[in-house]
Protein backbone atom coordinates (compact mmCIF):
# COMPACT_ATOMS: atom_id res chain seq x y z
CA MET A 1 14.14 -3.07 21.69
CA SER A 2 15.90 -6.69 21.39
CA VAL A 3 15.59 -8.62 18.52
CA ASP A 4 14.80 -11.99 18.31
CA LEU A 5 14.93 -13.45 14.83
CA ASN A 6 12.11 -16.14 14.40
CA PRO A 7 10.85 -15.27 10.79
CA THR A 8 7.78 -17.86 11.23
CA VAL A 9 6.50 -16.17 14.61
CA ASP A 10 6.81 -12.76 12.63
CA PHE A 11 4.87 -14.12 9.62
CA ILE A 12 2.23 -15.61 11.48
CA ALA A 13 1.65 -13.04 13.99
CA GLY A 14 1.71 -10.31 11.07
CA THR A 15 -1.04 -12.30 9.74
CA VAL A 16 -3.53 -12.58 11.86
CA SER A 17 -3.27 -9.08 12.87
CA GLY A 18 -3.49 -7.85 9.27
CA ILE A 19 -6.75 -10.39 8.54
CA VAL A 20 -7.91 -9.01 12.12
CA SER A 21 -7.20 -5.34 10.75
CA LEU A 22 -8.59 -5.91 7.22
CA LEU A 23 -12.11 -7.03 8.27
CA VAL A 24 -12.66 -3.83 10.48
CA THR A 25 -11.40 -1.58 8.10
CA HIS A 26 -11.05 -2.80 4.07
CA PRO A 27 -13.93 -0.85 3.31
CA PHE A 28 -12.35 2.61 3.59
CA ASP A 29 -9.12 1.39 1.57
CA THR A 30 -11.97 0.54 -1.31
CA VAL A 31 -13.06 4.39 -0.72
CA LYS A 32 -10.13 5.57 -1.14
CA VAL A 33 -9.08 3.52 -4.41
CA ARG A 34 -12.31 5.01 -5.85
CA PHE A 35 -11.63 8.44 -5.00
CA GLN A 36 -8.04 7.95 -6.62
CA ASN A 37 -9.29 7.23 -10.00
CA PRO A 38 -9.64 9.22 -12.16
CA ASP A 39 -12.86 7.45 -13.80
CA THR A 40 -14.73 6.99 -10.11
CA SER A 41 -13.54 10.19 -8.46
CA THR A 42 -16.75 12.51 -8.85
CA LYS A 43 -19.12 9.73 -8.12
CA TYR A 44 -18.57 10.58 -4.14
CA ARG A 45 -18.89 13.42 -2.62
CA SER A 46 -18.12 12.30 0.64
CA THR A 47 -15.72 9.25 2.33
CA PHE A 48 -19.13 8.36 3.77
CA HIS A 49 -21.55 9.09 1.08
CA ALA A 50 -19.13 6.74 -1.18
CA LEU A 51 -19.51 3.99 1.39
CA ALA A 52 -23.31 4.18 1.83
CA THR A 53 -23.64 4.40 -2.10
CA ILE A 54 -21.39 1.19 -2.64
CA ALA A 55 -23.23 -0.51 -0.10
CA ARG A 56 -26.57 0.30 -1.92
CA GLU A 57 -25.41 -0.19 -5.61
CA GLU A 58 -23.05 -3.42 -5.11
CA ARG A 59 -24.53 -4.70 -1.85
CA PHE A 60 -22.32 -5.24 1.04
CA ARG A 61 -19.47 -7.58 -0.03
CA GLY A 62 -18.89 -4.36 -2.70
CA LEU A 63 -16.96 -2.90 0.55
CA TYR A 64 -14.74 -5.82 0.36
CA LYS A 65 -14.28 -6.15 -3.22
CA GLY A 66 -10.18 -6.94 -3.42
CA ALA A 67 -9.77 -8.18 0.61
CA THR A 68 -7.33 -10.64 -0.13
CA CYS A 69 -3.87 -9.35 0.88
CA ALA A 70 -3.73 -9.97 4.73
CA LEU A 71 -0.41 -12.42 3.98
CA MET A 72 1.77 -9.30 2.97
CA ASN A 73 1.16 -7.91 6.85
CA GLY A 74 3.30 -11.14 7.70
CA LEU A 75 5.77 -10.45 5.00
CA VAL A 76 6.09 -7.11 6.10
CA PHE A 77 6.62 -7.82 9.82
CA ALA A 78 8.99 -10.61 8.99
CA SER A 79 10.77 -8.96 6.36
CA TYR A 80 11.39 -5.33 8.89
CA LYS A 81 12.55 -7.90 11.73
CA PHE A 82 15.16 -9.29 9.51
CA PHE A 83 16.21 -6.33 8.16
CA THR A 84 16.45 -4.58 11.91
CA ARG A 85 18.54 -7.89 12.78
CA ILE A 86 21.19 -8.15 10.16
CA GLN A 87 22.29 -4.15 11.19
CA LEU A 88 22.68 -5.54 15.24
CA GLU A 89 26.41 -6.88 16.36
CA ASN A 90 24.29 -9.27 18.42
CA GLU A 91 20.88 -10.31 19.43
CA ASN A 92 21.07 -8.47 22.49
CA SER A 93 21.73 -4.76 20.82
CA ILE A 94 19.05 -2.39 20.69
CA PRO A 95 18.83 -0.80 17.46
CA THR A 96 18.94 3.02 16.76
CA LEU A 97 16.11 4.54 15.20
CA ALA A 98 17.87 4.87 12.52
CA GLN A 99 18.83 1.51 12.07
CA VAL A 100 15.03 0.83 12.44
CA ALA A 101 13.93 3.29 9.56
CA LEU A 102 16.11 2.03 7.53
CA ALA A 103 15.04 -1.82 8.32
CA GLY A 104 11.54 -0.43 7.43
CA THR A 105 12.10 0.91 4.33
CA CYS A 106 14.10 -2.22 3.27
CA CYS A 107 11.36 -4.39 3.98
CA GLY A 108 8.80 -2.19 2.56
CA VAL A 109 11.49 -2.21 -1.29
CA VAL A 110 11.32 -5.81 -0.54
CA SER A 111 7.61 -6.60 0.05
CA SER A 112 6.85 -4.34 -3.01
CA ILE A 113 7.85 -7.14 -5.29
CA LEU A 114 4.30 -9.09 -3.82
CA THR A 115 2.43 -6.32 -2.98
CA THR A 116 2.39 -4.78 -6.63
CA PRO A 117 0.83 -7.36 -8.27
CA THR A 118 -1.55 -8.28 -5.38
CA GLU A 119 -2.55 -4.37 -5.32
CA LEU A 120 -2.98 -4.13 -8.74
CA ILE A 121 -5.60 -7.23 -8.57
CA LYS A 122 -7.36 -5.75 -5.51
CA ILE A 123 -7.59 -2.21 -7.50
CA ARG A 124 -9.24 -3.91 -10.43
CA GLN A 125 -11.59 -5.45 -8.28
CA GLN A 126 -12.33 -2.75 -6.49
CA ASN A 127 -12.67 -0.58 -9.84
CA ILE A 128 -15.87 -2.51 -10.83
CA LEU A 129 -18.90 -0.81 -10.16
CA SER A 130 -21.26 -3.71 -10.47
CA ASP A 131 -22.48 -6.11 -8.05
CA THR A 132 -21.05 -8.78 -9.96
CA PRO A 133 -17.60 -10.02 -8.35
CA ARG A 134 -14.64 -11.00 -10.20
CA SER A 135 -12.51 -13.76 -8.66
CA THR A 136 -8.78 -13.04 -7.92
CA LEU A 137 -7.85 -15.89 -9.87
CA GLY A 138 -9.71 -15.18 -12.65
CA LEU A 139 -8.81 -11.40 -13.08
CA ALA A 140 -5.24 -12.32 -12.48
CA LEU A 141 -4.85 -15.09 -15.27
CA SER A 142 -6.74 -12.16 -17.43
CA ILE A 143 -4.37 -9.98 -17.08
CA TYR A 144 -1.65 -12.79 -17.31
CA ARG A 145 -2.88 -13.76 -20.67
CA GLN A 146 -3.10 -10.04 -22.44
CA TYR A 147 0.03 -8.75 -20.83
CA GLY A 148 2.21 -11.16 -19.57
CA VAL A 149 4.05 -10.84 -16.50
CA ALA A 150 4.84 -7.07 -17.47
CA GLY A 151 1.15 -6.79 -16.82
CA LEU A 152 0.96 -7.89 -13.45
CA TYR A 153 4.12 -5.71 -12.43
CA ARG A 154 2.27 -2.72 -13.84
CA GLY A 155 3.08 0.31 -11.12
CA PHE A 156 5.89 -1.82 -10.01
CA GLY A 157 8.48 1.66 -9.44
CA ALA A 158 5.13 3.74 -7.94
CA THR A 159 4.70 0.91 -5.07
CA VAL A 160 8.33 0.92 -4.56
CA LEU A 161 8.51 4.52 -3.60
CA ARG A 162 5.23 4.72 -1.35
CA ASP A 163 6.18 1.35 0.88
CA THR A 164 9.56 3.20 1.13
CA GLY A 165 7.09 4.88 3.91
CA TYR A 166 7.45 1.87 6.13
CA GLY A 167 10.72 3.59 6.90
CA VAL A 168 8.82 6.30 8.50
CA TYR A 169 6.24 3.90 9.61
CA PHE A 170 8.18 1.94 11.82
CA LEU A 171 10.16 4.84 12.74
CA THR A 172 7.35 6.52 14.05
CA TYR A 173 5.81 3.61 16.16
CA GLU A 174 9.08 2.47 17.30
CA ALA A 175 10.23 6.11 19.13
CA THR A 176 6.31 6.90 20.30
CA CYS A 177 7.02 3.57 22.44
CA ARG A 178 10.27 4.11 23.74
CA PHE A 179 9.02 7.81 24.86
CA PHE A 180 6.35 5.75 26.63
CA ALA A 181 8.26 2.95 27.99
CA THR A 182 8.87 2.07 31.75
CA PRO A 183 11.57 -0.08 33.44
CA VAL A 184 9.70 -3.40 35.08
CA SER A 185 11.54 -5.57 37.38
CA GLN A 186 12.65 -8.86 36.32
CA SER A 187 9.80 -10.43 38.36
CA ASN A 188 6.87 -8.61 36.36
CA LEU A 189 8.38 -10.47 32.96
CA ALA A 190 5.89 -12.71 32.40
CA LYS A 191 3.51 -10.00 30.96
CA PRO A 192 3.85 -9.45 27.56
CA LEU A 193 6.35 -7.09 26.49
CA SER A 194 6.31 -4.36 23.31
CA ALA A 195 8.65 -4.31 20.32
CA ALA A 196 10.70 -2.20 22.19
CA ALA A 197 11.99 -3.90 25.09
CA SER A 198 15.15 -5.00 25.36
CA ASP A 199 16.77 -8.14 27.38
CA LEU A 200 19.11 -6.11 30.25
CA ASN A 201 16.59 -3.31 30.84
CA ALA A 202 13.40 -4.94 29.99
CA THR A 203 10.67 -1.97 29.33
CA HIS A 204 6.70 -2.37 29.72
CA ILE A 205 4.46 -0.73 27.37
CA PRO A 206 0.93 0.58 28.40
CA TRP A 207 -1.91 -0.41 26.09
CA PRO A 208 -2.96 2.54 26.12
CA ALA A 209 0.71 3.35 24.56
CA LEU A 210 0.62 0.84 22.07
CA LEU A 211 -2.31 2.09 21.10
CA PHE A 212 -1.50 5.37 20.33
CA ALA A 213 1.87 4.23 18.90
CA GLY A 214 -0.01 2.36 16.26
CA ALA A 215 -2.80 5.22 15.39
CA MET A 216 0.45 7.31 14.83
CA ALA A 217 2.53 4.92 12.62
CA GLY A 218 -0.80 4.83 10.93
CA VAL A 219 -1.25 8.48 10.08
CA ILE A 220 2.25 9.77 9.89
CA GLY A 221 3.61 6.67 7.96
CA TRP A 222 0.87 7.46 5.15
CA LEU A 223 1.54 11.28 5.04
CA ALA A 224 4.97 10.61 4.67
CA THR A 225 4.07 8.43 0.81
CA PHE A 226 0.52 9.29 -0.27
CA PRO A 227 1.00 11.10 -3.43
CA PHE A 228 3.03 8.50 -4.31
CA ASP A 229 -0.25 5.74 -3.75
CA VAL A 230 -2.28 8.47 -5.87
CA VAL A 231 0.17 7.70 -8.85
CA LYS A 232 0.14 4.35 -8.29
CA THR A 233 -3.39 3.69 -8.07
CA ARG A 234 -4.10 6.06 -11.28
CA ILE A 235 -1.22 3.80 -12.68
CA GLN A 236 -2.51 0.40 -11.62
CA SER A 237 -6.03 1.45 -12.32
CA CYS A 238 -5.77 1.33 -16.34
CA ASP A 239 -4.04 -0.70 -18.87
CA TYR A 240 -1.47 0.60 -21.29
CA THR A 241 -3.73 0.16 -24.23
CA PRO A 242 -2.84 2.33 -27.44
CA VAL A 243 -5.62 4.55 -28.71
CA GLU A 244 -5.96 4.66 -32.11
CA HIS A 245 -7.05 7.61 -34.11
CA ARG A 246 -6.50 9.22 -37.41
CA HIS A 247 -4.03 11.18 -38.68
CA THR A 248 -3.55 12.92 -42.37
CA LEU A 249 0.45 13.83 -43.50
CA PRO A 250 1.35 16.59 -44.65
CA LEU A 251 2.50 16.97 -48.28
CA ARG A 252 5.41 18.22 -47.63
CA ALA A 253 6.82 16.05 -45.10
CA PRO A 254 10.05 14.47 -45.92
CA LEU A 255 10.78 11.39 -47.69
CA ILE A 256 6.75 11.67 -48.78
CA ASP A 257 6.38 10.83 -52.45
CA THR A 258 3.81 13.76 -53.03
CA ARG A 259 2.32 12.26 -56.23
CA ASN A 260 1.74 8.85 -54.95
CA PRO A 261 -2.00 9.47 -53.49
CA ALA A 262 -1.75 7.34 -50.65
CA ALA A 263 0.66 9.74 -49.38
CA THR A 264 -2.16 12.09 -47.92
CA GLU A 265 -4.32 9.24 -47.04
CA ALA A 266 -4.93 8.85 -43.22
CA ILE A 267 -2.62 6.56 -41.28
CA THR A 268 -3.00 5.06 -37.61
CA ARG A 269 -1.24 6.34 -35.08
CA TYR A 270 -1.24 5.91 -31.37
CA ALA A 271 -2.35 8.31 -28.54
CA ASP A 272 -0.01 7.48 -25.36
CA ASN A 273 -2.26 7.04 -22.08
CA PRO A 274 -1.48 9.78 -19.42
CA TYR A 275 -1.01 7.19 -16.92
CA ARG A 276 1.32 4.77 -18.47
CA THR A 277 4.52 6.00 -16.40
CA ILE A 278 5.19 8.30 -12.83
CA PHE A 279 6.26 10.81 -14.62
CA SER A 280 3.40 11.28 -16.93
CA THR A 281 0.63 10.53 -14.07
CA ILE A 282 2.42 13.23 -12.23
CA VAL A 283 2.46 15.40 -15.00
CA ASN A 284 -1.16 14.82 -16.45
CA SER A 285 -2.81 14.34 -13.22
CA TYR A 286 -1.34 18.14 -11.99
CA ARG A 287 -2.36 19.74 -14.91
CA SER A 288 -5.73 18.07 -15.63
CA GLU A 289 -7.31 18.54 -11.32
CA GLY A 290 -3.88 20.55 -9.60
CA PRO A 291 -1.84 19.70 -6.66
CA GLY A 292 -4.43 18.84 -4.58
CA VAL A 293 -5.18 15.29 -7.13
CA PHE A 294 -2.32 14.51 -4.87
CA PHE A 295 -4.18 13.98 -1.38
CA LYS A 296 -6.95 12.85 -3.06
CA GLY A 297 -8.81 9.87 -1.02
CA LEU A 298 -6.49 11.07 2.15
CA ALA A 299 -9.66 11.19 4.39
CA PRO A 300 -10.91 7.80 4.28
CA THR A 301 -7.22 6.85 3.98
CA LEU A 302 -6.68 8.31 7.77
CA ILE A 303 -10.08 7.13 8.84
CA ARG A 304 -9.07 3.68 8.23
CA ALA A 305 -5.16 4.16 9.15
CA ILE A 306 -6.10 4.60 12.77
CA PRO A 307 -7.99 2.05 13.63
CA ALA A 308 -6.11 -0.39 11.34
CA ASN A 309 -3.15 0.15 13.25
CA ILE A 310 -4.65 0.45 16.67
CA ILE A 311 -5.26 -3.00 15.96
CA ILE A 312 -2.13 -4.11 14.07
CA PHE A 313 0.69 -3.58 16.58
CA PRO A 314 -1.29 -4.69 19.58
CA THR A 315 -2.05 -8.03 17.80
CA TYR A 316 0.94 -8.56 16.41
CA GLU A 317 2.93 -8.01 20.12
CA TYR A 318 0.30 -10.12 21.89
CA VAL A 319 0.74 -13.02 19.13
CA VAL A 320 4.43 -12.67 19.18
CA TYR A 321 4.19 -12.95 23.38
CA LEU A 322 1.93 -16.06 22.67
CA LEU A 323 4.11 -18.01 19.82
CA SER A 324 7.39 -17.05 21.93
CA LYS A 325 6.04 -18.60 25.17
């Protein structure tokens, strides 16, 4: 794979592939979020029961709540190419699979800066059970006014951990492409080459192999970090609003004047949100629902991942080819 660094081309191609994939597969993402949210996880029996229920109760547009993230795909591909390129000695070098994995991991960390507020808003929209839509801008402003910038970045750490899965994602795609790559003569270079093509020993990837590589990347990439996606969804599904309750001070508490009647009056304490941090979310989720909780929503995610990435990679490759002619 020789790497031509053209951020504009990579961003446009990634965005186009993201839009096409979003139109086809976003309903499965909505179902995944509903399964991962403890407030809605018991409402549905299966993936397709959830799809039917949401469509019936919230109409067809309910399946597309929060469908505003296509630009993130452009950022992912552009940053991936950038981090791949800076590891190479020259533009004709072919990155090793280790360099591919590192570039993918780095692009995941960087993209999390924009992914976190985008997905937080998406998740909040997807968790609205009524058929009354709430605009993306209105929801973002509401969160900002109440909690500030920190409110929009709730779940940032969990998002970073999940998005490091882009390392495995791109590694799987690249390794699969290289496995199926076949050399082509210079006379055949007018046809689109895959991202695994080198300049000196050009290779052609058959379209069925590209589709298979995309599907494998989607499945393995999600499996690698899926538990962190569950943690992220649970953190981002709720605000950290302390819960007020009443607590009576014991008379023997130190520094309490027992002659003062006020010492025995109930005072306000605050209960911690069980989903306030990564650690507390993991502990509380495990204690209440067992180890299986960290794979809730996996079925709709994998059902979505296969067609989504069958669409994303070939579309990306072809748009890059068209824009680079």
